[in-house]
Amino acid sequence: MNEIITLLPLITVFIIFYVILYIPQRRRQKKHKEYVENLKIGDNVITDSGIFGRVVNIKEDKVTLVVKKGEIEILKSNISFK
C-alpha cells in the first residue's frame, strides 16, 4: 500500500501529461488528415514551409501546386492545416 502512495504523484503527472498534450495532438492530426483527404483541384493551400499555391493535380500521396513562377510537386503531408 505504501508503494502505491509513493507512486501516486508520478501517476498523476503522467495522466495530466496525457490529457494536456497527447489528446489535443491526436485531434489535430485527425483534422489534418481529413483536410488533406478532402483536397480538391482549385483549392488554395499553404505548405508547411509557407509557400502559397493552388492545387492543380492530386495523386495518391503527392499534390501539384501552381505557384507564381511555375508548378511544384509536394507530399500531401506537407500541406499545412489552417
N, C-alpha and C. Protein backbone atom coordinates (compact mmCIF):
# COMPACT_ATOMS: atom_id res chain seq x y z
N MET A 1 0.82 -1.19 0.00
CA MET A 1 0.00 0.00 0.00
C MET A 1 0.86 1.25 0.00
N ASN A 2 1.96 1.19 0.74
CA ASN A 2 2.86 2.34 0.84
C ASN A 2 3.52 2.64 -0.50
N GLU A 3 3.80 1.60 -1.29
CA GLU A 3 4.43 1.81 -2.60
C GLU A 3 3.49 2.55 -3.55
N ILE A 4 2.21 2.23 -3.47
CA ILE A 4 1.23 2.89 -4.34
C ILE A 4 1.12 4.37 -3.99
N ILE A 5 1.16 4.68 -2.72
CA ILE A 5 1.08 6.07 -2.28
C ILE A 5 2.31 6.85 -2.75
N THR A 6 3.48 6.23 -2.74
CA THR A 6 4.67 6.94 -3.21
C THR A 6 4.67 7.11 -4.72
N LEU A 7 4.01 6.23 -5.46
CA LEU A 7 3.93 6.34 -6.91
C LEU A 7 2.77 7.21 -7.38
N LEU A 8 1.87 7.55 -6.50
CA LEU A 8 0.69 8.32 -6.86
C LEU A 8 1.02 9.67 -7.53
N PRO A 9 1.99 10.45 -7.03
CA PRO A 9 2.31 11.71 -7.73
C PRO A 9 2.84 11.48 -9.16
N LEU A 10 3.62 10.45 -9.34
CA LEU A 10 4.15 10.14 -10.68
C LEU A 10 3.02 9.72 -11.62
N ILE A 11 2.11 8.92 -11.15
CA ILE A 11 0.97 8.50 -11.95
C ILE A 11 0.09 9.70 -12.29
N THR A 12 -0.11 10.58 -11.33
CA THR A 12 -0.91 11.79 -11.56
C THR A 12 -0.28 12.68 -12.62
N VAL A 13 1.03 12.86 -12.55
CA VAL A 13 1.73 13.67 -13.55
C VAL A 13 1.60 13.04 -14.94
N PHE A 14 1.71 11.74 -15.02
CA PHE A 14 1.56 11.05 -16.30
C PHE A 14 0.16 11.25 -16.88
N ILE A 15 -0.85 11.14 -16.06
CA ILE A 15 -2.23 11.32 -16.52
C ILE A 15 -2.44 12.76 -17.00
N ILE A 16 -1.94 13.73 -16.25
CA ILE A 16 -2.07 15.14 -16.65
C ILE A 16 -1.33 15.38 -17.97
N PHE A 17 -0.14 14.83 -18.11
CA PHE A 17 0.64 14.95 -19.34
C PHE A 17 -0.15 14.38 -20.51
N TYR A 18 -0.74 13.24 -20.33
CA TYR A 18 -1.52 12.59 -21.39
C TYR A 18 -2.71 13.46 -21.81
N VAL A 19 -3.44 13.97 -20.83
CA VAL A 19 -4.64 14.77 -21.12
C VAL A 19 -4.29 16.10 -21.77
N ILE A 20 -3.25 16.75 -21.32
CA ILE A 20 -2.90 18.08 -21.82
C ILE A 20 -2.21 18.03 -23.18
N LEU A 21 -1.35 17.05 -23.41
CA LEU A 21 -0.56 17.04 -24.63
C LEU A 21 -1.02 16.03 -25.68
N TYR A 22 -1.25 14.83 -25.31
CA TYR A 22 -1.48 13.77 -26.28
C TYR A 22 -2.85 13.85 -26.94
N ILE A 23 -3.89 14.05 -26.17
CA ILE A 23 -5.25 14.07 -26.73
C ILE A 23 -5.44 15.21 -27.72
N PRO A 24 -5.05 16.46 -27.41
CA PRO A 24 -5.21 17.53 -28.40
C PRO A 24 -4.37 17.30 -29.66
N GLN A 25 -3.18 16.74 -29.51
CA GLN A 25 -2.33 16.45 -30.67
C GLN A 25 -3.00 15.42 -31.58
N ARG A 26 -3.60 14.44 -31.00
CA ARG A 26 -4.30 13.41 -31.77
C ARG A 26 -5.48 14.02 -32.53
N ARG A 27 -6.20 14.94 -31.89
CA ARG A 27 -7.32 15.62 -32.56
C ARG A 27 -6.83 16.44 -33.74
N ARG A 28 -5.71 17.18 -33.56
CA ARG A 28 -5.15 17.98 -34.66
C ARG A 28 -4.72 17.09 -35.81
N GLN A 29 -4.11 15.96 -35.52
CA GLN A 29 -3.69 15.04 -36.58
C GLN A 29 -4.90 14.50 -37.33
N LYS A 30 -5.97 14.21 -36.64
CA LYS A 30 -7.17 13.70 -37.29
C LYS A 30 -7.78 14.76 -38.20
N LYS A 31 -7.84 16.02 -37.74
CA LYS A 31 -8.38 17.12 -38.56
C LYS A 31 -7.50 17.35 -39.78
N HIS A 32 -6.18 17.30 -39.61
CA HIS A 32 -5.26 17.49 -40.73
C HIS A 32 -5.44 16.39 -41.77
N LYS A 33 -5.57 15.16 -41.31
CA LYS A 33 -5.77 14.04 -42.23
C LYS A 33 -7.06 14.21 -43.02
N GLU A 34 -8.14 14.60 -42.36
CA GLU A 34 -9.41 14.83 -43.04
C GLU A 34 -9.28 15.96 -44.06
N TYR A 35 -8.58 17.03 -43.68
CA TYR A 35 -8.39 18.18 -44.57
C TYR A 35 -7.63 17.76 -45.83
N VAL A 36 -6.57 17.01 -45.66
CA VAL A 36 -5.76 16.59 -46.80
C VAL A 36 -6.54 15.61 -47.68
N GLU A 37 -7.31 14.72 -47.08
CA GLU A 37 -8.09 13.76 -47.86
C GLU A 37 -9.20 14.44 -48.66
N ASN A 38 -9.68 15.59 -48.19
CA ASN A 38 -10.77 16.29 -48.86
C ASN A 38 -10.28 17.39 -49.80
N LEU A 39 -8.99 17.44 -50.07
CA LEU A 39 -8.47 18.43 -51.03
C LEU A 39 -9.05 18.15 -52.41
N LYS A 40 -9.30 19.22 -53.13
CA LYS A 40 -9.77 19.06 -54.50
C LYS A 40 -9.06 20.08 -55.38
N ILE A 41 -9.08 19.84 -56.66
CA ILE A 41 -8.42 20.72 -57.61
C ILE A 41 -9.06 22.10 -57.52
N GLY A 42 -8.21 23.12 -57.46
CA GLY A 42 -8.67 24.50 -57.36
C GLY A 42 -8.57 25.06 -55.96
N ASP A 43 -8.34 24.23 -54.94
CA ASP A 43 -8.21 24.71 -53.56
C ASP A 43 -6.91 25.48 -53.40
N ASN A 44 -6.97 26.60 -52.69
CA ASN A 44 -5.77 27.34 -52.33
C ASN A 44 -5.25 26.79 -51.02
N VAL A 45 -3.95 26.50 -50.98
CA VAL A 45 -3.34 25.91 -49.78
C VAL A 45 -2.04 26.61 -49.44
N ILE A 46 -1.56 26.32 -48.25
CA ILE A 46 -0.26 26.79 -47.78
C ILE A 46 0.53 25.56 -47.36
N THR A 47 1.80 25.49 -47.77
CA THR A 47 2.63 24.37 -47.35
C THR A 47 3.20 24.65 -45.97
N ASP A 48 3.80 23.64 -45.37
CA ASP A 48 4.44 23.81 -44.06
C ASP A 48 5.57 24.83 -44.12
N SER A 49 6.18 24.99 -45.27
CA SER A 49 7.29 25.93 -45.41
C SER A 49 6.81 27.33 -45.76
N GLY A 50 5.49 27.53 -45.90
CA GLY A 50 4.96 28.87 -46.13
C GLY A 50 4.73 29.23 -47.58
N ILE A 51 4.73 28.26 -48.48
CA ILE A 51 4.52 28.53 -49.89
C ILE A 51 3.01 28.48 -50.17
N PHE A 52 2.50 29.54 -50.80
CA PHE A 52 1.09 29.59 -51.18
C PHE A 52 0.95 29.04 -52.58
N GLY A 53 -0.09 28.25 -52.81
CA GLY A 53 -0.31 27.71 -54.14
C GLY A 53 -1.74 27.22 -54.32
N ARG A 54 -2.07 26.87 -55.55
CA ARG A 54 -3.37 26.34 -55.89
C ARG A 54 -3.20 24.92 -56.40
N VAL A 55 -4.01 24.02 -55.93
CA VAL A 55 -3.93 22.61 -56.30
C VAL A 55 -4.39 22.45 -57.75
N VAL A 56 -3.52 21.79 -58.57
CA VAL A 56 -3.89 21.52 -59.96
C VAL A 56 -3.91 20.03 -60.28
N ASN A 57 -3.29 19.22 -59.45
CA ASN A 57 -3.27 17.78 -59.69
C ASN A 57 -3.12 17.08 -58.35
N ILE A 58 -3.84 15.99 -58.17
CA ILE A 58 -3.78 15.23 -56.93
C ILE A 58 -3.47 13.78 -57.28
N LYS A 59 -2.40 13.27 -56.69
CA LYS A 59 -2.05 11.86 -56.84
C LYS A 59 -2.27 11.18 -55.50
N GLU A 60 -1.86 9.93 -55.40
CA GLU A 60 -2.10 9.17 -54.17
C GLU A 60 -1.48 9.84 -52.95
N ASP A 61 -0.20 10.19 -53.03
CA ASP A 61 0.47 10.80 -51.88
C ASP A 61 1.11 12.14 -52.20
N LYS A 62 0.90 12.67 -53.41
CA LYS A 62 1.50 13.93 -53.82
C LYS A 62 0.45 14.88 -54.38
N VAL A 63 0.77 16.16 -54.30
CA VAL A 63 -0.09 17.20 -54.82
C VAL A 63 0.76 18.13 -55.66
N THR A 64 0.25 18.54 -56.82
CA THR A 64 0.94 19.52 -57.65
C THR A 64 0.28 20.86 -57.43
N LEU A 65 1.11 21.86 -57.11
CA LEU A 65 0.62 23.21 -56.86
C LEU A 65 1.12 24.16 -57.93
N VAL A 66 0.30 25.12 -58.31
CA VAL A 66 0.74 26.21 -59.18
C VAL A 66 1.13 27.34 -58.26
N VAL A 67 2.36 27.82 -58.44
CA VAL A 67 2.85 28.98 -57.72
C VAL A 67 3.16 30.05 -58.74
N LYS A 68 3.58 31.21 -58.29
CA LYS A 68 3.78 32.35 -59.18
C LYS A 68 4.74 32.04 -60.32
N LYS A 69 5.78 31.29 -60.08
CA LYS A 69 6.82 31.04 -61.08
C LYS A 69 6.74 29.65 -61.72
N GLY A 70 5.66 28.93 -61.54
CA GLY A 70 5.56 27.60 -62.16
C GLY A 70 4.78 26.64 -61.29
N GLU A 71 5.16 25.38 -61.37
CA GLU A 71 4.49 24.33 -60.61
C GLU A 71 5.50 23.62 -59.71
N ILE A 72 5.02 23.16 -58.59
CA ILE A 72 5.83 22.32 -57.70
C ILE A 72 4.99 21.12 -57.29
N GLU A 73 5.67 20.04 -56.98
CA GLU A 73 5.00 18.83 -56.51
C GLU A 73 5.48 18.57 -55.09
N ILE A 74 4.54 18.42 -54.18
CA ILE A 74 4.89 18.19 -52.78
C ILE A 74 4.10 17.00 -52.26
N LEU A 75 4.51 16.49 -51.13
CA LEU A 75 3.77 15.42 -50.45
C LEU A 75 2.53 16.02 -49.80
N LYS A 76 1.47 15.24 -49.77
CA LYS A 76 0.24 15.71 -49.13
C LYS A 76 0.46 16.06 -47.66
N SER A 77 1.33 15.34 -47.03
CA SER A 77 1.56 15.56 -45.60
C SER A 77 2.21 16.91 -45.31
N ASN A 78 2.78 17.56 -46.34
CA ASN A 78 3.42 18.86 -46.14
C ASN A 78 2.48 20.03 -46.35
N ILE A 79 1.22 19.76 -46.55
CA ILE A 79 0.23 20.84 -46.65
C ILE A 79 -0.20 21.19 -45.25
N SER A 80 -0.17 22.49 -44.96
CA SER A 80 -0.49 22.97 -43.63
C SER A 80 -1.99 23.04 -43.43
N PHE A 81 -2.43 22.70 -42.24
CA PHE A 81 -3.84 22.79 -41.88
C PHE A 81 -4.09 24.17 -41.30
N LYS A 82 -5.05 24.88 -41.86
CA LYS A 82 -5.32 26.27 -41.45
C LYS A 82 -6.01 26.31 -40.13
